């Protein structure tokens, strides 16, 4: 409701690539003989609202324009069950 319910922790491409290689190379971590479920993410956690704020900051820097206030549209969490 306030943009802070759902959160994620983004991961860099390099860290993701390293994790994939580790899982492919280690038989105990791949889907044929091990546990194929990974819990992976970066060091920081951001709410959806915080991500929107970061995107607004980045857009203003790239465009060289004053920062605009982002518009947040609340979406019921149940809708994600339908989408995913």
Protein backbone atom coordinates (compact mmCIF):
# COMPACT_ATOMS: atom_id res chain seq x y z
CA UNK A 1 0.00 0.00 0.00
CA UNK A 2 2.79 2.39 0.75
CA UNK A 3 5.28 1.08 -1.81
CA UNK A 4 7.29 -0.61 0.92
CA UNK A 5 5.62 -4.04 1.13
CA UNK A 6 7.43 -5.77 -1.73
CA UNK A 7 11.21 -5.51 -1.73
CA UNK A 8 14.07 -6.83 -3.80
CA UNK A 9 17.82 -6.89 -3.60
CA UNK A 10 19.32 -6.27 -7.06
CA UNK A 11 22.50 -8.09 -8.02
CA UNK A 12 25.25 -7.00 -10.39
CA UNK A 13 25.70 -8.85 -13.68
CA UNK A 14 29.19 -9.95 -12.63
CA UNK A 15 27.98 -11.41 -9.33
CA UNK A 16 25.10 -13.19 -11.07
CA UNK A 17 27.42 -14.64 -13.71
CA UNK A 18 29.79 -15.90 -10.99
CA UNK A 19 26.90 -17.54 -9.14
CA UNK A 20 25.70 -19.27 -12.31
CA UNK A 21 29.19 -20.61 -13.08
CA UNK A 22 29.54 -21.82 -9.48
CA UNK A 23 26.23 -23.68 -9.69
CA UNK A 24 27.03 -25.27 -13.04
CA UNK A 25 30.51 -26.32 -11.91
CA UNK A 26 29.49 -27.69 -8.50
CA UNK A 27 27.51 -30.96 -8.77
CA UNK A 28 25.99 -30.42 -5.33
CA UNK A 29 24.40 -27.17 -6.50
CA UNK A 30 23.02 -28.15 -9.91
CA UNK A 31 19.63 -29.65 -10.74
CA UNK A 32 20.89 -33.11 -11.74
CA UNK A 33 22.41 -34.17 -8.45
CA UNK A 34 22.05 -31.37 -5.95
CA UNK A 35 19.76 -28.63 -4.78
CA UNK A 36 18.72 -26.50 -7.78
CA UNK A 37 17.17 -23.75 -5.65
CA UNK A 38 19.33 -20.66 -5.18
CA UNK A 39 18.75 -17.69 -2.95
CA UNK A 40 20.72 -14.96 -4.64
CA UNK A 41 20.77 -11.18 -4.46
CA UNK A 42 22.88 -8.15 -3.89
CA UNK A 43 23.88 -6.63 -0.57
CA UNK A 44 21.19 -3.91 -0.46
CA UNK A 45 17.41 -4.27 -0.25
CA UNK A 46 15.09 -1.70 -1.82
CA UNK A 47 11.34 -1.24 -1.59
CA UNK A 48 9.43 -0.63 -4.82
CA UNK A 49 9.02 3.01 -3.78
CA UNK A 50 12.76 3.39 -3.15
CA UNK A 51 13.46 1.87 -6.59
CA UNK A 52 11.12 4.41 -8.19
CA UNK A 53 12.94 7.21 -6.40
CA UNK A 54 16.31 5.89 -7.60
CA UNK A 55 15.02 5.69 -11.17
CA UNK A 56 13.74 9.28 -10.99
CA UNK A 57 17.17 10.39 -9.74
CA UNK A 58 18.94 8.55 -12.58
CA UNK A 59 16.64 9.96 -15.26
CA UNK A 60 17.21 13.52 -14.07
CA UNK A 61 21.00 13.00 -14.09
CA UNK A 62 21.03 11.45 -17.58
CA UNK A 63 18.78 14.12 -19.05
CA UNK A 64 20.43 16.95 -17.16
CA UNK A 65 16.99 18.17 -16.11
CA UNK A 66 15.49 18.97 -12.73
CA UNK A 67 14.25 15.88 -10.95
CA UNK A 68 10.54 15.20 -11.29
CA UNK A 69 8.51 13.58 -8.57
CA UNK A 70 7.74 9.98 -9.65
CA UNK A 71 4.13 8.86 -9.95
CA UNK A 72 3.39 5.67 -8.05
CA UNK A 73 0.37 3.57 -9.00
CA UNK A 74 -0.66 1.11 -6.29
CA UNK A 75 -1.23 -2.42 -7.59
CA UNK A 76 -2.93 -5.04 -5.40
CA UNK A 77 -0.50 -7.82 -4.47
CA UNK A 78 -3.07 -10.43 -5.56
CA UNK A 79 -2.65 -9.23 -9.14
CA UNK A 80 0.92 -10.51 -9.12
CA UNK A 81 -0.40 -14.04 -8.54
CA UNK A 82 -2.31 -13.73 -11.82
CA UNK A 83 0.63 -12.21 -13.71
CA UNK A 84 3.23 -14.67 -12.45
